[in-house]
Amino acid sequence: MPNRRILSLWFPRLAAERLMRDARGLEAGPLAVVAEQANLQAITALNAAAEGAGLYVGQPVRDAHAMCAGLVTRARNAPAEAAFLTALRRWAGKFSPWVAEEPPDGLVIDLSGCAHLFGGEAALVQVVADDCTDLGLTVRLGIADTLGAAWALARYAGQGAAPARSGDAVDQEARATRSRAAKRRHWTKGGAAPQVVTAGGGARIAPPGQCHGALSPLPVAALRLEGQVTEQLGRLGLRRIGDLLGQPRAALARRFGRGLVLRLDQAMGSAPEPVSPARATAHFAARMTLPEPIGLRDDLMAAIDRILPVLCARLEAKGRGARELRLEAHRTDQAAQVVQAGLARPSHDPQRIRPLLELKLDGIDAGFGIDMLRIAAVRTEPVHARTVAGHAEAARVVRDRLAGNTALDDLIGKLGARIGLEAITRRHPASSHIPEKSAQTLAAAWSDPAPDWPAPPVPRPLLLWPPEPVTAPDGPAVPGAFRWRGRDWRLAQATGPERIAPEWWLDDPNWRSGVRDYWVVVTEQGDRLWLFYGHGGALSSGWFCQGSFA
């Protein structure tokens, strides 16, 4: 694209300045963000005061404290930094709809056809710099025809190529050699490079069609190469991008790989590198502004009946179902009453959502009147259509049954509106041979009923409790009489044993008694108990009671 213009934004102090914006007890002084790198606490970001003290990114924290006694350190929070960068991406949408993130601290904006809306590129850069100053952020910018060139100008404009300390640097050569090098210092292959315009805030703007000259004086690290490739190029004397432009491409590819040639072509515009903006987040909400304030329950339900079908139609069009809804009632005194309702299963059916919102109206204080209602789907999930194969009549019956089998979900939703969805649970089978671990408790709203329960090899008791000691002779034979819970019991019948071994890969404190032999014991009093004999392990052997049959 001949008129393509790319703006690259780099926030070199993003992590530190994010913490300063939060102002969590931080004073105006040196601040460093640290993280664990190769079993070493290293600096990942600094503020201006810390950089002024001579600290640098990648420096060990112990060395930084030795150089700056007043340094304040904070642990890196990568998710918070990513969320902050996403917020900056939304802010950058005012300049162009084509904005993409460059983690961890950069943005890329396609300005094609947008710069004239701000009075030109220089004026747009000034607006960006002023906004970042108001946000308390340090920014460096670059504008060029390609993404690679804009990235390089934002991060390396004005920097010279650092010499490689390999023993053959100019300042390490003989005096006569250094004098000859001084004579050719200002020689540039291909003539003088086009001027790179400097805008406010440290930005660099390359004129259209002048990427070659704008990038030539920059170091090869501006091509987004790996550190190892940059070092190899420096040892060969190829320290500037201009040194690579005159080299044969085939030789560069054989020596350093195709990645170097690709980055060079992307920076010069020979290879495409599009800007892929993030997909806009789908928001599902509907509102209604009332001509006169209302406060009666019937009036609120009438308004909900008007806007709820609109919201459900938008959800259905996107194949989504609401799991959590928020009802906002905005009053005439500028206050807002907010209530939330959850569903046991995602749905876009207004008849299933309406009763849940009706239950929540008791928590709304109308005050002097409500003049606006808004319903938003806070959490949504995909709703997949069911396809039933088989005989036509059987398929219709199954389809009708599946479509009408929502009574349990509606009941869970109504109970959850009163006591909370987290308080409603259901039992599911678990894959374990340990009796107390054969089932697990799940939230009913976020789980499906178990299709079937696997049958145990022998019947299990209806009631289970932690093992309780039984006073009986220490031996594997079933005792004819024993004492348990302060009472004397006599044996009438015993069935067993069922041997259950502990999970050897886990150190379960409840199973330190070793291998167990379980017996179903019927006493003369008519009780059916579940007793076991622990053969001993970390604990001594003995008899215990763990359950009771109905």
Protein backbone atom coordinates (compact mmCIF):
# COMPACT_ATOMS: atom_id res chain seq x y z
CA MET A 1 0.00 0.00 0.00
CA PRO A 2 1.80 3.16 -1.15
CA ASN A 3 -0.01 5.49 1.29
CA ARG A 4 0.23 3.23 4.30
CA ARG A 5 1.44 4.90 7.50
CA ILE A 6 2.10 3.07 10.76
CA LEU A 7 2.48 4.60 14.23
CA SER A 8 4.36 2.59 16.86
CA LEU A 9 3.97 3.51 20.54
CA TRP A 10 6.47 2.25 23.09
CA PHE A 11 5.98 2.70 26.83
CA PRO A 12 9.44 1.90 28.26
CA ARG A 13 8.33 2.45 31.87
CA LEU A 14 4.86 0.92 31.63
CA ALA A 15 5.06 -1.45 34.63
CA ALA A 16 6.60 1.11 36.99
CA GLU A 17 4.34 3.97 35.96
CA ARG A 18 1.28 1.74 36.33
CA LEU A 19 2.18 1.26 39.99
CA MET A 20 2.77 4.98 40.40
CA ARG A 21 -0.68 5.66 38.96
CA ASP A 22 -2.21 3.33 41.54
CA ALA A 23 -0.30 5.29 44.25
CA ARG A 24 -0.32 2.43 46.74
CA GLY A 25 1.75 4.26 49.34
CA LEU A 26 4.60 4.93 46.92
CA GLU A 27 6.67 8.04 47.41
CA ALA A 28 8.21 10.13 44.66
CA GLY A 29 11.52 8.27 44.49
CA PRO A 30 13.33 5.48 42.67
CA LEU A 31 11.00 2.58 41.90
CA ALA A 32 11.84 -0.76 40.29
CA VAL A 33 9.64 -3.65 39.21
CA VAL A 34 11.37 -7.00 39.77
CA ALA A 35 10.70 -10.56 38.66
CA GLU A 36 12.32 -13.97 38.95
CA GLN A 37 14.63 -14.64 36.00
CA ALA A 38 16.82 -17.73 35.95
CA ASN A 39 16.78 -18.12 39.76
CA LEU A 40 17.68 -14.44 40.13
CA GLN A 41 15.67 -11.38 41.12
CA ALA A 42 16.16 -8.96 38.22
CA ILE A 43 14.72 -5.57 37.31
CA THR A 44 12.07 -5.55 34.56
CA ALA A 45 10.99 -1.89 34.66
CA LEU A 46 12.14 1.41 36.21
CA ASN A 47 10.73 4.85 36.69
CA ALA A 48 12.54 8.04 35.71
CA ALA A 49 14.11 8.57 39.14
CA ALA A 50 15.57 5.05 39.16
CA GLU A 51 17.00 5.45 35.66
CA GLY A 52 18.53 8.74 36.73
CA ALA A 53 20.31 6.90 39.53
CA GLY A 54 22.10 4.72 36.95
CA LEU A 55 19.97 1.59 37.22
CA TYR A 56 19.00 -0.40 34.13
CA VAL A 57 16.56 -3.12 33.11
CA GLY A 58 17.96 -6.61 33.62
CA GLN A 59 20.17 -5.58 36.52
CA PRO A 60 20.18 -7.89 39.57
CA VAL A 61 18.25 -6.44 42.48
CA ARG A 62 21.15 -6.81 44.90
CA ASP A 63 23.36 -4.69 42.66
CA ALA A 64 20.60 -2.11 42.28
CA HIS A 65 20.22 -1.76 46.07
CA ALA A 66 23.97 -1.33 46.38
CA MET A 67 23.88 1.55 43.86
CA CYS A 68 20.68 3.20 45.14
CA ALA A 69 19.97 2.86 48.85
CA GLY A 70 16.51 4.45 48.61
CA LEU A 71 15.25 2.11 45.88
CA VAL A 72 11.68 0.80 46.33
CA THR A 73 10.95 -2.55 44.67
CA ARG A 74 7.65 -4.14 43.75
CA ALA A 75 6.96 -7.61 42.37
CA ARG A 76 5.86 -7.77 38.76
CA ASN A 77 2.18 -8.37 38.08
CA ALA A 78 2.06 -9.55 34.48
CA PRO A 79 -1.77 -9.94 34.26
CA ALA A 80 -2.29 -6.41 35.60
CA GLU A 81 0.21 -5.05 33.08
CA ALA A 82 -1.58 -6.87 30.25
CA ALA A 83 -4.92 -5.44 31.40
CA PHE A 84 -3.41 -1.95 31.54
CA LEU A 85 -2.04 -2.34 28.02
CA THR A 86 -5.50 -3.39 26.85
CA ALA A 87 -6.93 -0.22 28.41
CA LEU A 88 -4.33 1.81 26.52
CA ARG A 89 -5.36 0.04 23.32
CA ARG A 90 -8.92 1.23 23.85
CA TRP A 91 -7.61 4.75 24.43
CA ALA A 92 -5.59 4.60 21.19
CA GLY A 93 -8.79 3.82 19.31
CA LYS A 94 -9.44 7.59 19.16
CA PHE A 95 -6.68 7.91 16.55
CA SER A 96 -7.57 4.95 14.33
CA PRO A 97 -9.85 1.91 14.45
CA TRP A 98 -6.89 -0.30 13.50
CA VAL A 99 -4.98 -0.73 16.79
CA ALA A 100 -3.05 -3.81 17.89
CA GLU A 101 -1.15 -4.67 21.05
CA GLU A 102 2.55 -5.50 21.10
CA PRO A 103 3.10 -7.12 24.50
CA PRO A 104 4.47 -6.37 26.92
CA ASP A 105 4.76 -2.58 26.48
CA GLY A 106 3.83 -1.46 22.96
CA LEU A 107 0.99 -0.57 20.61
CA VAL A 108 0.81 -0.43 16.82
CA ILE A 109 -1.66 1.87 15.03
CA ASP A 110 -2.42 1.93 11.32
CA LEU A 111 -2.83 5.66 10.58
CA SER A 112 -3.66 5.26 6.88
CA GLY A 113 -6.19 7.95 6.07
CA CYS A 114 -6.51 9.16 9.69
CA ALA A 115 -3.67 11.62 10.31
CA HIS A 116 -5.34 14.51 8.46
CA LEU A 117 -8.20 14.45 11.00
CA PHE A 118 -5.74 15.76 13.59
CA GLY A 119 -3.98 18.29 11.37
CA GLY A 120 -1.20 16.03 10.11
CA GLU A 121 1.19 13.52 11.59
CA ALA A 122 3.19 16.04 13.62
CA ALA A 123 0.03 17.42 15.21
CA LEU A 124 -1.23 13.89 15.92
CA VAL A 125 2.05 13.02 17.59
CA GLN A 126 1.70 16.08 19.80
CA VAL A 127 -1.81 14.99 20.81
CA VAL A 128 -0.49 11.54 21.71
CA ALA A 129 2.35 13.05 23.74
CA ASP A 130 -0.04 15.39 25.61
CA ASP A 131 -2.44 12.55 26.41
CA CYS A 132 0.37 10.36 27.73
CA THR A 133 1.64 13.22 29.85
CA ASP A 134 -1.82 13.60 31.37
CA LEU A 135 -1.90 9.83 31.99
CA GLY A 136 1.49 9.97 33.69
CA LEU A 137 3.14 7.73 31.08
CA THR A 138 6.42 7.96 29.23
CA VAL A 139 6.03 7.25 25.53
CA ARG A 140 8.31 7.03 22.52
CA LEU A 141 6.82 7.08 19.06
CA GLY A 142 7.78 6.32 15.50
CA ILE A 143 5.90 6.80 12.23
CA ALA A 144 6.93 5.15 8.96
CA ASP A 145 5.52 3.28 5.98
CA THR A 146 6.02 -0.16 7.55
CA LEU A 147 5.45 -1.69 10.94
CA GLY A 148 9.08 -2.73 11.27
CA ALA A 149 10.38 0.73 10.44
CA ALA A 150 8.00 2.44 12.86
CA TRP A 151 8.99 -0.03 15.59
CA ALA A 152 12.68 0.67 14.97
CA LEU A 153 12.26 4.46 14.98
CA ALA A 154 10.26 4.38 18.23
CA ARG A 155 12.92 2.43 20.08
CA TYR A 156 16.25 3.21 18.40
CA ALA A 157 15.97 6.61 16.70
CA GLY A 158 18.92 8.78 17.64
CA GLN A 159 21.02 5.87 18.87
CA GLY A 160 24.29 4.96 17.22
CA ALA A 161 25.52 1.47 16.54
CA ALA A 162 27.49 0.23 19.55
CA PRO A 163 30.86 -1.33 18.67
CA ALA A 164 31.42 -4.99 19.38
CA ARG A 165 34.15 -5.47 21.99
CA SER A 166 35.95 -8.23 20.16
CA GLY A 167 39.51 -6.82 20.05
CA ASP A 168 39.24 -5.22 16.60
CA ALA A 169 37.23 -2.11 17.53
CA VAL A 170 38.47 1.24 16.24
CA ASP A 171 39.58 2.43 19.68
CA GLN A 172 41.61 -0.77 20.06
CA GLU A 173 43.46 -0.49 16.74
CA ALA A 174 46.78 1.17 16.02
CA ARG A 175 46.98 4.95 15.88
CA ALA A 176 47.48 5.03 12.10
CA THR A 177 44.47 2.78 11.55
CA ARG A 178 42.32 5.05 13.75
CA SER A 179 43.36 8.09 11.69
CA ARG A 180 42.27 6.41 8.47
CA ALA A 181 39.00 5.42 10.10
CA ALA A 182 38.37 9.04 11.08
CA LYS A 183 38.71 10.15 7.47
CA ARG A 184 35.97 7.75 6.34
CA ARG A 185 33.72 8.37 9.36
CA HIS A 186 31.16 10.47 7.46
CA TRP A 187 31.12 8.37 4.32
CA THR A 188 27.71 6.90 3.57
CA LYS A 189 27.09 4.47 0.75
CA GLY A 190 24.54 5.72 -1.75
CA GLY A 191 24.70 9.40 -0.82
CA ALA A 192 23.32 11.36 2.08
CA ALA A 193 20.45 9.82 3.94
CA PRO A 194 17.09 11.63 3.96
CA GLN A 195 16.45 13.63 7.09
CA VAL A 196 14.42 12.04 9.85
CA VAL A 197 11.97 14.57 11.25
CA THR A 198 11.95 14.82 15.04
CA ALA A 199 8.59 15.63 16.65
CA GLY A 200 7.77 16.48 20.22
CA GLY A 201 8.04 13.85 22.94
CA GLY A 202 10.97 11.98 21.42
CA ALA A 203 9.03 10.80 18.35
CA ARG A 204 10.60 10.08 14.97
CA ILE A 205 8.72 10.52 11.70
CA ALA A 206 10.17 9.09 8.50
CA PRO A 207 8.87 10.85 5.38
CA PRO A 208 6.77 8.67 3.04
CA GLY A 209 8.88 6.41 0.87
CA GLN A 210 12.09 7.07 2.83
CA CYS A 211 12.37 3.96 5.03
CA HIS A 212 15.74 3.09 3.47
CA GLY A 213 17.42 6.29 4.53
CA ALA A 214 15.64 6.55 7.87
CA LEU A 215 16.73 3.08 9.00
CA SER A 216 20.26 3.05 7.59
CA PRO A 217 21.97 4.75 10.58
CA LEU A 218 20.13 2.64 13.17
CA PRO A 219 21.74 -0.39 14.85
CA VAL A 220 20.87 -3.85 13.56
CA ALA A 221 19.02 -4.57 16.83
CA ALA A 222 16.25 -2.31 15.48
CA LEU A 223 15.29 -5.13 13.09
CA ARG A 224 13.81 -7.14 16.01
CA LEU A 225 16.51 -9.78 15.74
CA GLU A 226 17.57 -12.29 18.34
CA GLY A 227 20.43 -11.27 20.59
CA GLN A 228 22.69 -14.01 19.27
CA VAL A 229 22.25 -12.88 15.65
CA THR A 230 22.92 -9.26 16.64
CA GLU A 231 26.17 -10.24 18.35
CA GLN A 232 27.31 -12.26 15.34
CA LEU A 233 26.63 -9.35 13.00
CA GLY A 234 28.53 -6.99 15.29
CA ARG A 235 31.58 -9.23 15.34
CA LEU A 236 31.62 -9.14 11.53
CA GLY A 237 31.42 -5.34 11.50
CA LEU A 238 27.76 -5.22 10.36
CA ARG A 239 26.50 -2.94 13.12
CA ARG A 240 24.09 -0.68 11.22
CA ILE A 241 21.08 -1.54 9.11
CA GLY A 242 22.72 0.31 6.24
CA ASP A 243 25.58 -2.19 6.37
CA LEU A 244 23.11 -5.01 5.66
CA LEU A 245 21.24 -3.33 2.82
CA GLY A 246 24.17 -3.67 0.42
CA GLN A 247 24.92 -7.31 1.25
CA PRO A 248 23.79 -10.23 -0.96
CA ARG A 249 20.58 -11.72 0.43
CA ALA A 250 21.57 -15.30 -0.32
CA ALA A 251 24.77 -14.99 1.69
CA LEU A 252 22.93 -13.43 4.64
CA ALA A 253 20.31 -16.19 4.60
CA ARG A 254 22.95 -18.94 4.50
CA ARG A 255 24.97 -17.42 7.33
CA PHE A 256 22.26 -16.10 9.69
CA GLY A 257 19.07 -17.83 8.57
CA ARG A 258 15.97 -16.64 6.76
CA GLY A 259 14.75 -14.74 9.80
CA LEU A 260 17.25 -11.92 9.22
CA VAL A 261 16.25 -11.51 5.58
CA LEU A 262 12.55 -11.59 6.49
CA ARG A 263 12.93 -8.88 9.14
CA LEU A 264 14.91 -6.76 6.71
CA ASP A 265 12.28 -7.11 3.99
CA GLN A 266 9.47 -6.33 6.45
CA ALA A 267 11.21 -3.15 7.57
CA MET A 268 11.79 -2.02 3.98
CA GLY A 269 8.29 -2.94 2.81
CA SER A 270 9.30 -5.83 0.53
CA ALA A 271 7.48 -8.38 2.71
CA PRO A 272 3.95 -7.76 4.06
CA GLU A 273 3.38 -7.34 7.79
CA PRO A 274 -0.24 -6.43 8.51
CA VAL A 275 -1.55 -4.85 11.69
CA SER A 276 -4.09 -7.24 13.21
CA PRO A 277 -6.36 -5.37 15.62
CA ALA A 278 -7.94 -7.11 18.57
CA ARG A 279 -11.51 -8.22 18.11
CA ALA A 280 -14.00 -5.96 19.80
CA THR A 281 -15.62 -7.48 22.87
CA ALA A 282 -19.29 -8.24 22.39
CA HIS A 283 -21.53 -6.38 24.83
CA PHE A 284 -25.13 -7.43 25.34
CA ALA A 285 -27.32 -4.80 26.98
CA ALA A 286 -30.62 -3.02 26.45
CA ARG A 287 -32.05 0.03 28.17
CA MET A 288 -35.20 2.11 28.27
CA THR A 289 -35.48 5.80 29.16
CA LEU A 290 -38.82 6.67 30.73
CA PRO A 291 -40.65 9.96 30.06
CA GLU A 292 -41.87 10.09 33.66
CA PRO A 293 -40.33 8.56 36.80
CA ILE A 294 -41.87 5.29 37.99
CA GLY A 295 -41.69 3.42 41.26
CA LEU A 296 -44.42 0.76 41.34
CA ARG A 297 -43.55 -2.90 40.95
CA ASP A 298 -46.01 -3.38 38.08
CA ASP A 299 -44.51 -0.44 36.20
CA LEU A 300 -41.01 -1.86 36.60
CA MET A 301 -42.15 -5.25 35.29
CA ALA A 302 -43.86 -3.57 32.34
CA ALA A 303 -40.60 -1.83 31.45
CA ILE A 304 -38.66 -5.09 31.83
CA ASP A 305 -41.13 -6.82 29.51
CA ARG A 306 -40.33 -4.16 26.90
CA ILE A 307 -36.52 -4.35 26.97
CA LEU A 308 -35.85 -8.00 27.94
CA PRO A 309 -36.99 -9.44 24.55
CA VAL A 310 -34.65 -6.99 22.81
CA LEU A 311 -31.69 -8.25 24.85
CA CYS A 312 -32.63 -11.90 24.30
CA ALA A 313 -32.95 -11.33 20.55
CA ARG A 314 -29.38 -9.97 20.44
CA LEU A 315 -28.12 -12.95 22.41
CA GLU A 316 -29.91 -15.40 20.13
CA ALA A 317 -28.53 -13.69 17.02
CA LYS A 318 -24.98 -14.28 18.31
CA GLY A 319 -25.65 -17.82 19.51
CA ARG A 320 -25.08 -16.85 23.15
CA GLY A 321 -26.98 -17.41 26.35
CA ALA A 322 -26.95 -15.32 29.53
CA ARG A 323 -25.51 -16.87 32.70
CA GLU A 324 -25.50 -13.71 34.82
CA LEU A 325 -27.61 -10.58 34.35
CA ARG A 326 -27.42 -7.14 35.91
CA LEU A 327 -30.48 -4.93 36.30
CA GLU A 328 -29.72 -1.23 36.76
CA ALA A 329 -32.41 1.17 37.94
CA HIS A 330 -31.27 4.78 37.60
CA ARG A 331 -33.17 7.18 39.83
CA THR A 332 -33.94 10.85 39.37
CA ASP A 333 -31.48 11.82 42.14
CA GLN A 334 -28.58 10.45 40.02
CA ALA A 335 -28.32 7.31 42.20
CA ALA A 336 -28.46 3.80 40.76
CA GLN A 337 -29.88 0.62 42.23
CA VAL A 338 -28.15 -2.50 40.89
CA VAL A 339 -29.22 -6.12 41.36
CA GLN A 340 -27.87 -9.29 39.75
CA ALA A 341 -29.43 -12.62 38.87
CA GLY A 342 -27.84 -15.87 37.73
CA LEU A 343 -29.09 -18.79 35.69
CA ALA A 344 -28.28 -22.46 36.19
CA ARG A 345 -27.91 -22.91 32.43
CA PRO A 346 -27.25 -20.28 29.74
CA SER A 347 -30.41 -19.19 28.02
CA HIS A 348 -31.79 -16.47 25.79
CA ASP A 349 -35.43 -17.29 26.53
CA PRO A 350 -37.23 -14.25 28.04
CA GLN A 351 -39.75 -16.48 29.81
CA ARG A 352 -36.96 -18.14 31.81
CA ILE A 353 -35.16 -14.92 32.67
CA ARG A 354 -38.19 -12.82 33.61
CA PRO A 355 -39.08 -14.67 36.87
CA LEU A 356 -35.52 -14.29 38.14
CA LEU A 357 -35.57 -10.53 37.61
CA GLU A 358 -38.99 -10.31 39.23
CA LEU A 359 -37.61 -11.93 42.38
CA LYS A 360 -34.91 -9.26 42.54
CA LEU A 361 -37.24 -6.26 42.42
CA ASP A 362 -37.65 -6.33 46.21
CA GLY A 363 -34.04 -5.18 46.52
CA ILE A 364 -34.61 -1.97 44.48
CA ASP A 365 -35.38 1.26 46.31
CA ALA A 366 -37.17 3.55 43.85
CA GLY A 367 -36.59 6.67 45.97
CA PHE A 368 -38.10 9.68 44.20
CA GLY A 369 -38.62 7.68 41.03
CA ILE A 370 -36.77 5.69 38.38
CA ASP A 371 -36.30 7.30 34.98
CA MET A 372 -34.09 4.71 33.24
CA LEU A 373 -33.78 0.90 33.30
CA ARG A 374 -30.92 -1.09 31.84
CA ILE A 375 -30.42 -4.86 31.62
CA ALA A 376 -26.96 -6.19 30.77
CA ALA A 377 -25.75 -9.75 30.27
CA VAL A 378 -22.61 -9.72 32.42
CA ARG A 379 -21.62 -13.30 31.60
CA THR A 380 -22.62 -15.19 28.49
CA GLU A 381 -21.87 -18.66 27.14
CA PRO A 382 -22.44 -20.31 23.77
CA VAL A 383 -25.77 -22.02 23.31
CA HIS A 384 -25.51 -24.97 20.93
CA ALA A 385 -28.52 -26.38 19.14
CA ARG A 386 -29.24 -30.08 19.71
CA THR A 387 -29.52 -32.32 16.68
CA VAL A 388 -31.47 -35.57 17.18
CA ALA A 389 -31.12 -38.39 14.65
CA GLY A 390 -33.60 -41.23 14.20
CA HIS A 391 -37.17 -41.88 13.18
CA ALA A 392 -39.12 -38.72 12.39
CA GLU A 393 -41.77 -39.26 15.05
CA ALA A 394 -39.22 -40.37 17.68
CA ALA A 395 -37.04 -37.40 16.86
CA ARG A 396 -39.96 -35.02 17.36
CA VAL A 397 -40.80 -36.55 20.76
CA VAL A 398 -37.19 -36.40 21.94
CA ARG A 399 -36.83 -32.84 20.69
CA ASP A 400 -39.96 -31.75 22.54
CA ARG A 401 -38.80 -33.48 25.72
CA LEU A 402 -35.36 -31.85 25.59
CA ALA A 403 -36.87 -28.45 24.87
CA GLY A 404 -39.27 -28.71 27.82
CA ASN A 405 -36.82 -30.24 30.32
CA THR A 406 -35.98 -26.94 31.97
CA ALA A 407 -37.93 -27.28 35.22
CA LEU A 408 -34.89 -28.29 37.27
CA ASP A 409 -32.77 -25.49 35.82
CA ASP A 410 -35.51 -22.98 36.51
CA LEU A 411 -35.82 -24.23 40.09
CA ILE A 412 -32.07 -23.90 40.63
CA GLY A 413 -32.16 -20.38 39.20
CA LYS A 414 -35.04 -19.31 41.45
CA LEU A 415 -33.43 -20.79 44.56
CA GLY A 416 -30.12 -19.21 43.58
CA ALA A 417 -31.78 -15.81 43.32
CA ARG A 418 -32.68 -16.16 47.00
CA ILE A 419 -29.76 -17.94 48.63
CA GLY A 420 -27.06 -17.78 45.95
CA LEU A 421 -26.15 -20.26 43.23
CA GLU A 422 -23.03 -21.35 45.13
CA ALA A 423 -25.18 -22.73 47.96
CA ILE A 424 -26.90 -25.28 45.68
CA THR A 425 -24.78 -28.38 45.10
CA ARG A 426 -25.10 -31.86 43.65
CA ARG A 427 -23.13 -35.08 44.07
CA HIS A 428 -21.12 -36.61 41.24
CA PRO A 429 -19.26 -39.92 41.11
CA ALA A 430 -15.47 -39.74 41.39
CA SER A 431 -12.82 -42.11 40.13
CA SER A 432 -11.45 -43.53 43.39
CA HIS A 433 -11.63 -46.84 45.20
CA ILE A 434 -11.49 -45.09 48.59
CA PRO A 435 -15.03 -45.10 50.06
CA GLU A 436 -15.03 -41.47 51.26
CA LYS A 437 -13.60 -40.30 47.91
CA SER A 438 -16.02 -42.15 45.64
CA ALA A 439 -18.16 -39.01 45.22
CA GLN A 440 -17.51 -35.28 44.88
CA THR A 441 -19.61 -32.19 45.52
CA LEU A 442 -20.12 -29.78 42.60
CA ALA A 443 -22.09 -26.57 42.19
CA ALA A 444 -25.42 -27.45 40.62
CA ALA A 445 -25.51 -24.34 38.44
CA TRP A 446 -22.17 -25.13 36.77
CA SER A 447 -22.45 -28.91 36.36
CA ASP A 448 -24.68 -31.42 34.63
CA PRO A 449 -26.42 -34.28 36.39
CA ALA A 450 -24.46 -37.52 36.46
CA PRO A 451 -25.67 -39.84 33.66
CA ASP A 452 -25.26 -42.93 35.87
CA TRP A 453 -23.50 -44.01 39.03
CA PRO A 454 -21.10 -46.93 38.79
CA ALA A 455 -22.17 -49.79 41.03
CA PRO A 456 -19.63 -50.65 43.78
CA PRO A 457 -18.44 -54.25 44.04
CA VAL A 458 -20.31 -54.60 47.35
CA PRO A 459 -23.04 -52.40 48.84
CA ARG A 460 -21.88 -49.22 50.52
CA PRO A 461 -23.49 -47.79 53.70
CA LEU A 462 -25.93 -44.92 53.44
CA LEU A 463 -24.16 -42.92 56.16
CA LEU A 464 -20.40 -42.41 56.26
CA TRP A 465 -18.34 -40.66 58.94
CA PRO A 466 -14.65 -40.51 59.86
CA PRO A 467 -13.40 -43.78 61.36
CA GLU A 468 -14.25 -44.10 65.07
CA PRO A 469 -12.26 -46.48 67.29
CA VAL A 470 -13.94 -49.69 68.46
CA THR A 471 -12.89 -51.48 71.63
CA ALA A 472 -12.33 -55.10 70.59
CA PRO A 473 -9.58 -57.74 70.63
CA ASP A 474 -6.69 -56.77 68.34
CA GLY A 475 -6.95 -59.33 65.57
CA PRO A 476 -8.38 -59.73 62.05
CA ALA A 477 -11.15 -62.07 63.23
CA VAL A 478 -14.56 -60.43 63.63
CA PRO A 479 -15.16 -59.87 67.38
CA GLY A 480 -18.22 -61.49 68.89
CA ALA A 481 -18.66 -58.49 71.20
CA PHE A 482 -17.28 -54.98 71.06
CA ARG A 483 -17.79 -51.54 72.58
CA TRP A 484 -18.48 -48.47 70.44
CA ARG A 485 -19.81 -45.02 71.36
CA GLY A 486 -20.06 -45.98 75.02
CA ARG A 487 -22.31 -48.99 74.37
CA ASP A 488 -21.74 -52.73 74.32
CA TRP A 489 -22.68 -54.51 71.10
CA ARG A 490 -22.97 -58.24 70.36
CA LEU A 491 -22.47 -59.77 66.95
CA ALA A 492 -25.39 -61.50 65.20
CA GLN A 493 -24.08 -61.80 61.65
CA ALA A 494 -21.01 -60.63 59.69
CA THR A 495 -20.37 -60.50 55.92
CA GLY A 496 -16.92 -59.95 54.46
CA PRO A 497 -14.16 -59.16 54.36
CA GLU A 498 -13.59 -56.57 51.59
CA ARG A 499 -9.94 -55.53 51.50
CA ILE A 500 -9.19 -51.93 50.48
CA ALA A 501 -5.62 -50.68 50.21
CA PRO A 502 -4.67 -47.01 50.65
CA GLU A 503 -3.51 -44.82 47.77
CA TRP A 504 0.23 -45.45 47.96
CA TRP A 505 1.02 -42.35 45.88
CA LEU A 506 -0.62 -40.07 48.50
CA ASP A 507 0.16 -39.53 52.16
CA ASP A 508 -3.39 -39.42 53.48
CA PRO A 509 -3.44 -38.93 57.29
CA ASN A 510 -6.76 -40.80 57.47
CA TRP A 511 -5.24 -43.91 55.89
CA ARG A 512 -2.07 -44.30 57.93
CA SER A 513 -3.60 -47.38 59.56
CA GLY A 514 -2.58 -49.37 56.45
CA VAL A 515 -4.63 -51.96 54.59
CA ARG A 516 -8.21 -52.33 55.78
CA ASP A 517 -10.57 -55.32 55.90
CA TYR A 518 -14.20 -54.10 55.83
CA TRP A 519 -17.08 -56.14 57.32
CA VAL A 520 -20.85 -55.63 57.22
CA VAL A 521 -21.81 -56.38 60.81
CA VAL A 522 -25.38 -57.03 62.02
CA THR A 523 -25.76 -56.69 65.79
CA GLU A 524 -28.31 -58.32 68.05
CA GLN A 525 -29.92 -54.88 68.48
CA GLY A 526 -30.69 -54.87 64.73
CA ASP A 527 -28.13 -52.26 63.62
CA ARG A 528 -26.08 -52.81 60.46
CA LEU A 529 -22.65 -51.26 60.87
CA TRP A 530 -19.62 -51.00 58.62
CA LEU A 531 -16.54 -52.04 60.59
CA PHE A 532 -13.00 -52.49 59.39
CA TYR A 533 -9.79 -53.81 60.81
CA GLY A 534 -6.70 -51.72 60.09
CA HIS A 535 -3.63 -53.93 59.77
CA GLY A 536 -1.34 -51.11 60.85
CA GLY A 537 1.12 -48.84 59.12
CA ALA A 538 2.17 -45.48 60.48
CA LEU A 539 -0.46 -46.11 63.19
CA SER A 540 -1.15 -49.18 65.30
CA SER A 541 -3.63 -51.80 64.18
CA GLY A 542 -7.19 -52.06 65.52
CA TRP A 543 -10.92 -52.07 64.83
CA PHE A 544 -12.89 -49.00 63.67
CA CYS A 545 -16.47 -48.16 62.66
CA GLN A 546 -16.99 -45.93 59.59
CA GLY A 547 -20.64 -46.17 58.54
CA SER A 548 -24.16 -47.43 59.01
CA PHE A 549 -26.60 -49.05 56.60
CA ALA A 550 -30.21 -47.97 56.44
